[in-house]
Amino acid sequence: MNDRALVTIARGAPLQTLTDVELRLDEVPLTIDPKPRRKVRAWVRFGSVPVRVEALAARWTPDAVGIVFQIEETEYRCWIWSSAADEHPS
């Protein structure tokens, strides 16, 4: 997706994230990377619009990944299902 389209989509609706009930952080192990460097390509949603972004995996559970990514000057953070992210070398 081109950068201009991504900016428009991001401005048009809020970034979706998994809920506390879905994450179950009080029931499953959580790993936090103090210096995230694991690159992923991840599917996220702004409102109901799915887009694929280049991101860093900053934390994870057995089922979910907390990612961080940028669109222009804005940093975004959200939780997604592990299956919505693929390792992205380089």
PDB file of N, CA and C in Angstrom:
ATOM      1  N   MET A   1       0.855  -1.171   0.000  1.00  0.00           N
ATOM      2  CA  MET A   1       0.000   0.000   0.000  1.00  0.00           C
ATOM      3  C   MET A   1       0.898   1.230   0.000  1.00  0.00           C
ATOM      4  N   ASN A   2       0.524   2.231  -0.783  1.00  0.00           N
ATOM      5  CA  ASN A   2       1.389   3.413  -0.826  1.00  0.00           C
ATOM      6  C   ASN A   2       1.211   4.258   0.444  1.00  0.00           C
ATOM      7  N   ASP A   3       2.236   5.040   0.742  1.00  0.00           N
ATOM      8  CA  ASP A   3       2.266   5.807   1.983  1.00  0.00           C
ATOM      9  C   ASP A   3       1.124   6.806   2.087  1.00  0.00           C
ATOM     10  N   ARG A   4       0.780   7.424   0.986  1.00  0.00           N
ATOM     11  CA  ARG A   4      -0.287   8.432   1.010  1.00  0.00           C
ATOM     12  C   ARG A   4      -1.636   7.812   1.386  1.00  0.00           C
ATOM     13  N   ALA A   5      -1.931   6.651   0.815  1.00  0.00           N
ATOM     14  CA  ALA A   5      -3.182   5.952   1.141  1.00  0.00           C
ATOM     15  C   ALA A   5      -3.190   5.544   2.611  1.00  0.00           C
ATOM     16  N   LEU A   6      -2.061   5.073   3.120  1.00  0.00           N
ATOM     17  CA  LEU A   6      -1.961   4.664   4.518  1.00  0.00           C
ATOM     18  C   LEU A   6      -2.198   5.841   5.457  1.00  0.00           C
ATOM     19  N   VAL A   7      -1.650   6.996   5.131  1.00  0.00           N
ATOM     20  CA  VAL A   7      -1.860   8.199   5.944  1.00  0.00           C
ATOM     21  C   VAL A   7      -3.339   8.555   5.975  1.00  0.00           C
ATOM     22  N   THR A   8      -3.992   8.517   4.837  1.00  0.00           N
ATOM     23  CA  THR A   8      -5.422   8.846   4.756  1.00  0.00           C
ATOM     24  C   THR A   8      -6.246   7.884   5.592  1.00  0.00           C
ATOM     25  N   ILE A   9      -5.957   6.595   5.484  1.00  0.00           N
ATOM     26  CA  ILE A   9      -6.696   5.595   6.258  1.00  0.00           C
ATOM     27  C   ILE A   9      -6.485   5.798   7.755  1.00  0.00           C
ATOM     28  N   ALA A  10      -5.237   6.036   8.161  1.00  0.00           N
ATOM     29  CA  ALA A  10      -4.927   6.217   9.579  1.00  0.00           C
ATOM     30  C   ALA A  10      -5.606   7.453  10.163  1.00  0.00           C
ATOM     31  N   ARG A  11      -5.760   8.478   9.371  1.00  0.00           N
ATOM     32  CA  ARG A  11      -6.426   9.701   9.850  1.00  0.00           C
ATOM     33  C   ARG A  11      -7.938   9.538   9.931  1.00  0.00           C
ATOM     34  N   GLY A  12      -8.466   8.554   9.187  1.00  0.00           N
ATOM     35  CA  GLY A  12      -9.908   8.415   9.080  1.00  0.00           C
ATOM     36  C   GLY A  12     -10.590   7.601  10.153  1.00  0.00           C
ATOM     37  N   ALA A  13      -9.831   6.823  10.923  1.00  0.00           N
ATOM     38  CA  ALA A  13     -10.460   5.963  11.928  1.00  0.00           C
ATOM     39  C   ALA A  13      -9.427   5.566  12.972  1.00  0.00           C
ATOM     40  N   PRO A  14      -9.886   5.188  14.167  1.00  0.00           N
ATOM     41  CA  PRO A  14      -8.942   4.794  15.212  1.00  0.00           C
ATOM     42  C   PRO A  14      -8.327   3.426  14.947  1.00  0.00           C
ATOM     43  N   LEU A  15      -7.097   3.244  15.418  1.00  0.00           N
ATOM     44  CA  LEU A  15      -6.415   1.960  15.334  1.00  0.00           C
ATOM     45  C   LEU A  15      -7.089   0.989  16.299  1.00  0.00           C
ATOM     46  N   GLN A  16      -7.405  -0.193  15.821  1.00  0.00           N
ATOM     47  CA  GLN A  16      -8.029  -1.224  16.653  1.00  0.00           C
ATOM     48  C   GLN A  16      -6.945  -2.030  17.371  1.00  0.00           C
ATOM     49  N   THR A  17      -7.284  -2.565  18.535  1.00  0.00           N
ATOM     50  CA  THR A  17      -6.367  -3.395  19.309  1.00  0.00           C
ATOM     51  C   THR A  17      -7.171  -4.469  20.021  1.00  0.00           C
ATOM     52  N   LEU A  18      -6.498  -5.540  20.407  1.00  0.00           N
ATOM     53  CA  LEU A  18      -7.176  -6.591  21.150  1.00  0.00           C
ATOM     54  C   LEU A  18      -7.585  -6.076  22.523  1.00  0.00           C
ATOM     55  N   THR A  19      -8.638  -6.638  23.069  1.00  0.00           N
ATOM     56  CA  THR A  19      -9.142  -6.226  24.378  1.00  0.00           C
ATOM     57  C   THR A  19      -8.427  -6.985  25.493  1.00  0.00           C
ATOM     58  N   ASP A  20      -8.592  -6.521  26.718  1.00  0.00           N
ATOM     59  CA  ASP A  20      -8.021  -7.200  27.881  1.00  0.00           C
ATOM     60  C   ASP A  20      -8.536  -8.633  27.988  1.00  0.00           C
ATOM     61  N   VAL A  21      -9.812  -8.834  27.691  1.00  0.00           N
ATOM     62  CA  VAL A  21     -10.394 -10.179  27.744  1.00  0.00           C
ATOM     63  C   VAL A  21      -9.715 -11.090  26.730  1.00  0.00           C
ATOM     64  N   GLU A  22      -9.462 -10.578  25.537  1.00  0.00           N
ATOM     65  CA  GLU A  22      -8.789 -11.375  24.509  1.00  0.00           C
ATOM     66  C   GLU A  22      -7.332 -11.661  24.878  1.00  0.00           C
ATOM     67  N   LEU A  23      -6.659 -10.685  25.464  1.00  0.00           N
ATOM     68  CA  LEU A  23      -5.238 -10.832  25.787  1.00  0.00           C
ATOM     69  C   LEU A  23      -4.985 -11.779  26.963  1.00  0.00           C
ATOM     70  N   ARG A  24      -5.856 -11.771  27.960  1.00  0.00           N
ATOM     71  CA  ARG A  24      -5.712 -12.634  29.141  1.00  0.00           C
ATOM     72  C   ARG A  24      -4.346 -12.468  29.817  1.00  0.00           C
ATOM     73  N   LEU A  25      -3.882 -11.229  29.943  1.00  0.00           N
ATOM     74  CA  LEU A  25      -2.551 -10.984  30.495  1.00  0.00           C
ATOM     75  C   LEU A  25      -2.402 -11.461  31.934  1.00  0.00           C
ATOM     76  N   ASP A  26      -3.500 -11.628  32.638  1.00  0.00           N
ATOM     77  CA  ASP A  26      -3.424 -12.145  34.005  1.00  0.00           C
ATOM     78  C   ASP A  26      -3.377 -13.673  34.046  1.00  0.00           C
ATOM     79  N   GLU A  27      -3.440 -14.316  32.869  1.00  0.00           N
ATOM     80  CA  GLU A  27      -3.470 -15.774  32.814  1.00  0.00           C
ATOM     81  C   GLU A  27      -2.311 -16.401  32.034  1.00  0.00           C
ATOM     82  N   VAL A  28      -1.673 -15.637  31.150  1.00  0.00           N
ATOM     83  CA  VAL A  28      -0.646 -16.206  30.275  1.00  0.00           C
ATOM     84  C   VAL A  28       0.666 -15.442  30.428  1.00  0.00           C
ATOM     85  N   PRO A  29       1.784 -16.082  30.094  1.00  0.00           N
ATOM     86  CA  PRO A  29       3.071 -15.384  30.184  1.00  0.00           C
ATOM     87  C   PRO A  29       3.172 -14.238  29.178  1.00  0.00           C
ATOM     88  N   LEU A  30       3.828 -13.180  29.591  1.00  0.00           N
ATOM     89  CA  LEU A  30       4.059 -12.005  28.747  1.00  0.00           C
ATOM     90  C   LEU A  30       5.558 -11.777  28.643  1.00  0.00           C
ATOM     91  N   THR A  31       6.060 -11.625  27.422  1.00  0.00           N
ATOM     92  CA  THR A  31       7.462 -11.294  27.190  1.00  0.00           C
ATOM     93  C   THR A  31       7.534  -9.876  26.657  1.00  0.00           C
ATOM     94  N   ILE A  32       8.414  -9.069  27.244  1.00  0.00           N
ATOM     95  CA  ILE A  32       8.602  -7.684  26.810  1.00  0.00           C
ATOM     96  C   ILE A  32      10.043  -7.523  26.349  1.00  0.00           C
ATOM     97  N   ASP A  33      10.217  -7.061  25.129  1.00  0.00           N
ATOM     98  CA  ASP A  33      11.549  -6.800  24.586  1.00  0.00           C
ATOM     99  C   ASP A  33      11.917  -5.362  24.937  1.00  0.00           C
ATOM    100  N   PRO A  34      12.936  -5.142  25.774  1.00  0.00           N
ATOM    101  CA  PRO A  34      13.283  -3.777  26.174  1.00  0.00           C
ATOM    102  C   PRO A  34      13.807  -2.913  25.020  1.00  0.00           C
ATOM    103  N   LYS A  35      14.343  -3.566  23.985  1.00  0.00           N
ATOM    104  CA  LYS A  35      14.821  -2.840  22.802  1.00  0.00           C
ATOM    105  C   LYS A  35      14.287  -3.563  21.561  1.00  0.00           C
ATOM    106  N   PRO A  36      13.028  -3.337  21.217  1.00  0.00           N
ATOM    107  CA  PRO A  36      12.430  -4.080  20.101  1.00  0.00           C
ATOM    108  C   PRO A  36      13.232  -3.941  18.813  1.00  0.00           C
ATOM    109  N   ARG A  37      13.493  -5.082  18.193  1.00  0.00           N
ATOM    110  CA  ARG A  37      14.227  -5.087  16.930  1.00  0.00           C
ATOM    111  C   ARG A  37      13.742  -6.185  15.989  1.00  0.00           C
ATOM    112  N   ARG A  38      12.789  -7.019  16.458  1.00  0.00           N
ATOM    113  CA  ARG A  38      12.244  -8.090  15.621  1.00  0.00           C
ATOM    114  C   ARG A  38      11.232  -7.498  14.643  1.00  0.00           C
ATOM    115  N   LYS A  39      11.601  -7.456  13.364  1.00  0.00           N
ATOM    116  CA  LYS A  39      10.756  -6.845  12.344  1.00  0.00           C
ATOM    117  C   LYS A  39       9.667  -7.814  11.895  1.00  0.00           C
ATOM    118  N   VAL A  40       8.457  -7.272  11.743  1.00  0.00           N
ATOM    119  CA  VAL A  40       7.325  -8.063  11.274  1.00  0.00           C
ATOM    120  C   VAL A  40       6.529  -7.259  10.252  1.00  0.00           C
ATOM    121  N   ARG A  41       5.802  -7.974   9.428  1.00  0.00           N
ATOM    122  CA  ARG A  41       4.752  -7.378   8.606  1.00  0.00           C
ATOM    123  C   ARG A  41       3.467  -7.801   9.268  1.00  0.00           C
ATOM    124  N   ALA A  42       2.626  -6.826   9.572  1.00  0.00           N
ATOM    125  CA  ALA A  42       1.450  -7.118  10.386  1.00  0.00           C
ATOM    126  C   ALA A  42       0.181  -6.525   9.791  1.00  0.00           C
ATOM    127  N   TRP A  43      -0.890  -7.274   9.931  1.00  0.00           N
ATOM    128  CA  TRP A  43      -2.209  -6.774   9.560  1.00  0.00           C
ATOM    129  C   TRP A  43      -2.805  -6.060  10.755  1.00  0.00           C
ATOM    130  N   VAL A  44      -3.202  -4.805  10.552  1.00  0.00           N
ATOM    131  CA  VAL A  44      -3.881  -4.010  11.572  1.00  0.00           C
ATOM    132  C   VAL A  44      -5.156  -3.436  10.952  1.00  0.00           C
ATOM    133  N   ARG A  45      -6.003  -2.889  11.798  1.00  0.00           N
ATOM    134  CA  ARG A  45      -7.233  -2.260  11.317  1.00  0.00           C
ATOM    135  C   ARG A  45      -7.348  -0.839  11.868  1.00  0.00           C
ATOM    136  N   PHE A  46      -7.636   0.061  10.969  1.00  0.00           N
ATOM    137  CA  PHE A  46      -8.034   1.417  11.351  1.00  0.00           C
ATOM    138  C   PHE A  46      -9.526   1.456  11.108  1.00  0.00           C
ATOM    139  N   GLY A  47     -10.305   1.472  12.189  1.00  0.00           N
ATOM    140  CA  GLY A  47     -11.747   1.301  12.035  1.00  0.00           C
ATOM    141  C   GLY A  47     -11.986  -0.092  11.474  1.00  0.00           C
ATOM    142  N   SER A  48     -12.686  -0.167  10.359  1.00  0.00           N
ATOM    143  CA  SER A  48     -12.954  -1.473   9.744  1.00  0.00           C
ATOM    144  C   SER A  48     -12.047  -1.753   8.547  1.00  0.00           C
ATOM    145  N   VAL A  49     -11.059  -0.884   8.314  1.00  0.00           N
ATOM    146  CA  VAL A  49     -10.192  -1.021   7.140  1.00  0.00           C
ATOM    147  C   VAL A  49      -8.903  -1.765   7.504  1.00  0.00           C
ATOM    148  N   PRO A  50      -8.681  -2.954   6.924  1.00  0.00           N
ATOM    149  CA  PRO A  50      -7.441  -3.678   7.191  1.00  0.00           C
ATOM    150  C   PRO A  50      -6.303  -3.164   6.310  1.00  0.00           C
ATOM    151  N   VAL A  51      -5.123  -3.011   6.910  1.00  0.00           N
ATOM    152  CA  VAL A  51      -3.928  -2.616   6.161  1.00  0.00           C
ATOM    153  C   VAL A  51      -2.747  -3.412   6.699  1.00  0.00           C
ATOM    154  N   ARG A  52      -1.757  -3.597   5.856  1.00  0.00           N
ATOM    155  CA  ARG A  52      -0.540  -4.295   6.273  1.00  0.00           C
ATOM    156  C   ARG A  52       0.558  -3.266   6.473  1.00  0.00           C
ATOM    157  N   VAL A  53       1.245  -3.349   7.618  1.00  0.00           N
ATOM    158  CA  VAL A  53       2.279  -2.381   7.964  1.00  0.00           C
ATOM    159  C   VAL A  53       3.571  -3.095   8.334  1.00  0.00           C
ATOM    160  N   GLU A  54       4.676  -2.369   8.202  1.00  0.00           N
ATOM    161  CA  GLU A  54       5.979  -2.816   8.683  1.00  0.00           C
ATOM    162  C   GLU A  54       6.063  -2.375  10.141  1.00  0.00           C
ATOM    163  N   ALA A  55       6.371  -3.295  11.041  1.00  0.00           N
ATOM    164  CA  ALA A  55       6.337  -2.981  12.467  1.00  0.00           C
ATOM    165  C   ALA A  55       7.461  -3.701  13.201  1.00  0.00           C
ATOM    166  N   LEU A  56       7.583  -3.385  14.486  1.00  0.00           N
ATOM    167  CA  LEU A  56       8.481  -4.096  15.386  1.00  0.00           C
ATOM    168  C   LEU A  56       7.640  -4.811  16.430  1.00  0.00           C
ATOM    169  N   ALA A  57       7.984  -6.057  16.712  1.00  0.00           N
ATOM    170  CA  ALA A  57       7.328  -6.806  17.783  1.00  0.00           C
ATOM    171  C   ALA A  57       7.964  -6.367  19.103  1.00  0.00           C
ATOM    172  N   ALA A  58       7.187  -5.734  19.953  1.00  0.00           N
ATOM    173  CA  ALA A  58       7.716  -5.185  21.196  1.00  0.00           C
ATOM    174  C   ALA A  58       7.412  -6.064  22.403  1.00  0.00           C
ATOM    175  N   ARG A  59       6.349  -6.855  22.299  1.00  0.00           N
ATOM    176  CA  ARG A  59       5.955  -7.759  23.381  1.00  0.00           C
ATOM    177  C   ARG A  59       5.082  -8.845  22.802  1.00  0.00           C
ATOM    178  N   TRP A  60       4.956  -9.937  23.517  1.00  0.00           N
ATOM    179  CA  TRP A  60       4.127 -11.015  22.997  1.00  0.00           C
ATOM    180  C   TRP A  60       3.706 -11.965  24.105  1.00  0.00           C
ATOM    181  N   THR A  61       2.629 -12.668  23.808  1.00  0.00           N
ATOM    182  CA  THR A  61       2.110 -13.757  24.627  1.00  0.00           C
ATOM    183  C   THR A  61       2.074 -14.986  23.713  1.00  0.00           C
ATOM    184  N   PRO A  62       1.619 -16.125  24.201  1.00  0.00           N
ATOM    185  CA  PRO A  62       1.511 -17.280  23.301  1.00  0.00           C
ATOM    186  C   PRO A  62       0.560 -17.048  22.119  1.00  0.00           C
ATOM    187  N   ASP A  63      -0.395 -16.122  22.257  1.00  0.00           N
ATOM    188  CA  ASP A  63      -1.410 -15.917  21.223  1.00  0.00           C
ATOM    189  C   ASP A  63      -1.378 -14.562  20.521  1.00  0.00           C
ATOM    190  N   ALA A  64      -0.707 -13.576  21.097  1.00  0.00           N
ATOM    191  CA  ALA A  64      -0.794 -12.207  20.585  1.00  0.00           C
ATOM    192  C   ALA A  64       0.581 -11.550  20.527  1.00  0.00           C
ATOM    193  N   VAL A  65       0.658 -10.479  19.717  1.00  0.00           N
ATOM    194  CA  VAL A  65       1.892  -9.698  19.587  1.00  0.00           C
ATOM    195  C   VAL A  65       1.560  -8.220  19.762  1.00  0.00           C
ATOM    196  N   GLY A  66       2.302  -7.557  20.609  1.00  0.00           N
ATOM    197  CA  GLY A  66       2.197  -6.110  20.749  1.00  0.00           C
ATOM    198  C   GLY A  66       3.193  -5.480  19.799  1.00  0.00           C
ATOM    199  N   ILE A  67       2.692  -4.704  18.852  1.00  0.00           N
ATOM    200  CA  ILE A  67       3.573  -4.121  17.834  1.00  0.00           C
ATOM    201  C   ILE A  67       3.631  -2.604  17.956  1.00  0.00           C
ATOM    202  N   VAL A  68       4.678  -2.053  17.373  1.00  0.00           N
ATOM    203  CA  VAL A  68       4.841  -0.603  17.281  1.00  0.00           C
ATOM    204  C   VAL A  68       5.256  -0.289  15.845  1.00  0.00           C
ATOM    205  N   PHE A  69       4.644   0.759  15.280  1.00  0.00           N
ATOM    206  CA  PHE A  69       4.975   1.164  13.917  1.00  0.00           C
ATOM    207  C   PHE A  69       4.701   2.650  13.763  1.00  0.00           C
ATOM    208  N   GLN A  70       5.241   3.212  12.690  1.00  0.00           N
ATOM    209  CA  GLN A  70       5.077   4.637  12.431  1.00  0.00           C
ATOM    210  C   GLN A  70       4.411   4.870  11.088  1.00  0.00           C
ATOM    211  N   ILE A  71       3.587   5.900  11.072  1.00  0.00           N
ATOM    212  CA  ILE A  71       3.038   6.432   9.826  1.00  0.00           C
ATOM    213  C   ILE A  71       3.311   7.920   9.877  1.00  0.00           C
ATOM    214  N   GLU A  72       4.157   8.371   8.967  1.00  0.00           N
ATOM    215  CA  GLU A  72       4.701   9.730   9.004  1.00  0.00           C
ATOM    216  C   GLU A  72       5.317   9.974  10.369  1.00  0.00           C
ATOM    217  N   GLU A  73       4.896  10.994  11.087  1.00  0.00           N
ATOM    218  CA  GLU A  73       5.485  11.345  12.377  1.00  0.00           C
ATOM    219  C   GLU A  73       4.799  10.669  13.565  1.00  0.00           C
ATOM    220  N   THR A  74       3.738   9.940  13.321  1.00  0.00           N
ATOM    221  CA  THR A  74       2.942   9.366  14.410  1.00  0.00           C
ATOM    222  C   THR A  74       3.339   7.919  14.693  1.00  0.00           C
ATOM    223  N   GLU A  75       3.590   7.619  15.967  1.00  0.00           N
ATOM    224  CA  GLU A  75       3.883   6.250  16.384  1.00  0.00           C
ATOM    225  C   GLU A  75       2.588   5.595  16.848  1.00  0.00           C
ATOM    226  N   TYR A  76       2.365   4.381  16.407  1.00  0.00           N
ATOM    227  CA  TYR A  76       1.180   3.611  16.771  1.00  0.00           C
ATOM    228  C   TYR A  76       1.609   2.356  17.508  1.00  0.00           C
ATOM    229  N   ARG A  77       0.781   1.945  18.455  1.00  0.00           N
ATOM    230  CA  ARG A  77       0.994   0.707  19.201  1.00  0.00           C
ATOM    231  C   ARG A  77      -0.337  -0.006  19.322  1.00  0.00           C
ATOM    232  N   CYS A  78      -0.295  -1.319  19.123  1.00  0.00           N
ATOM    233  CA  CYS A  78      -1.508  -2.102  19.310  1.00  0.00           C
ATOM    234  C   CYS A  78      -1.149  -3.564  19.514  1.00  0.00           C
ATOM    235  N   TRP A  79      -2.130  -4.318  19.957  1.00  0.00           N
ATOM    236  CA  TRP A  79      -2.017  -5.762  20.083  1.00  0.00           C
ATOM    237  C   TRP A  79      -2.774  -6.404  18.937  1.00  0.00           C
ATOM    238  N   ILE A  80      -2.154  -7.423  18.333  1.00  0.00           N
ATOM    239  CA  ILE A  80      -2.793  -8.189  17.259  1.00  0.00           C
ATOM    240  C   ILE A  80      -2.615  -9.667  17.562  1.00  0.00           C
ATOM    241  N   TRP A  81      -3.413 -10.511  16.905  1.00  0.00           N
ATOM    242  CA  TRP A  81      -3.212 -11.949  17.035  1.00  0.00           C
ATOM    243  C   TRP A  81      -1.883 -12.329  16.395  1.00  0.00           C
ATOM    244  N   SER A  82      -1.194 -13.285  16.951  1.00  0.00           N
ATOM    245  CA  SER A  82       0.102 -13.728  16.425  1.00  0.00           C
ATOM    246  C   SER A  82       0.028 -14.113  14.957  1.00  0.00           C
ATOM    247  N   SER A  83      -1.077 -14.700  14.553  1.00  0.00           N
ATOM    248  CA  SER A  83      -1.233 -15.139  13.161  1.00  0.00           C
ATOM    249  C   SER A  83      -1.358 -13.974  12.183  1.00  0.00           C
ATOM    250  N   ALA A  84      -1.537 -12.756  12.694  1.00  0.00           N
ATOM    251  CA  ALA A  84      -1.656 -11.571  11.832  1.00  0.00           C
ATOM    252  C   ALA A  84      -0.297 -10.926  11.561  1.00  0.00           C
ATOM    253  N   ALA A  85       0.785 -11.541  12.062  1.00  0.00           N
ATOM    254  CA  ALA A  85       2.130 -10.992  11.875  1.00  0.00           C
ATOM    255  C   ALA A  85       3.052 -12.063  11.311  1.00  0.00           C
ATOM    256  N   ASP A  86       3.876 -11.653  10.339  1.00  0.00           N
ATOM    257  CA  ASP A  86       4.890 -12.534   9.763  1.00  0.00           C
ATOM    258  C   ASP A  86       6.259 -11.918   9.978  1.00  0.00           C
ATOM    259  N   GLU A  87       7.234 -12.753  10.314  1.00  0.00           N
ATOM    260  CA  GLU A  87       8.618 -12.270  10.455  1.00  0.00           C
ATOM    261  C   GLU A  87       9.030 -11.595   9.148  1.00  0.00           C
ATOM    262  N   HIS A  88       9.750 -10.505   9.284  1.00  0.00           N
ATOM    263  CA  HIS A  88      10.189  -9.748   8.109  1.00  0.00           C
ATOM    264  C   HIS A  88      11.672  -9.456   8.262  1.00  0.00           C
ATOM    265  N   PRO A  89      12.533 -10.307   7.689  1.00  0.00           N
ATOM    266  CA  PRO A  89      13.964 -10.081   7.818  1.00  0.00           C
ATOM    267  C   PRO A  89      14.429  -8.804   7.123  1.00  0.00           C
ATOM    268  N   SER A  90      15.478  -8.252   7.618  1.00  0.00           N
ATOM    269  CA  SER A  90      16.160  -7.026   7.120  1.00  0.00           C
ATOM    270  C   SER A  90      15.425  -5.838   7.473  1.00  0.00           C
TER     271      SER A  90
END
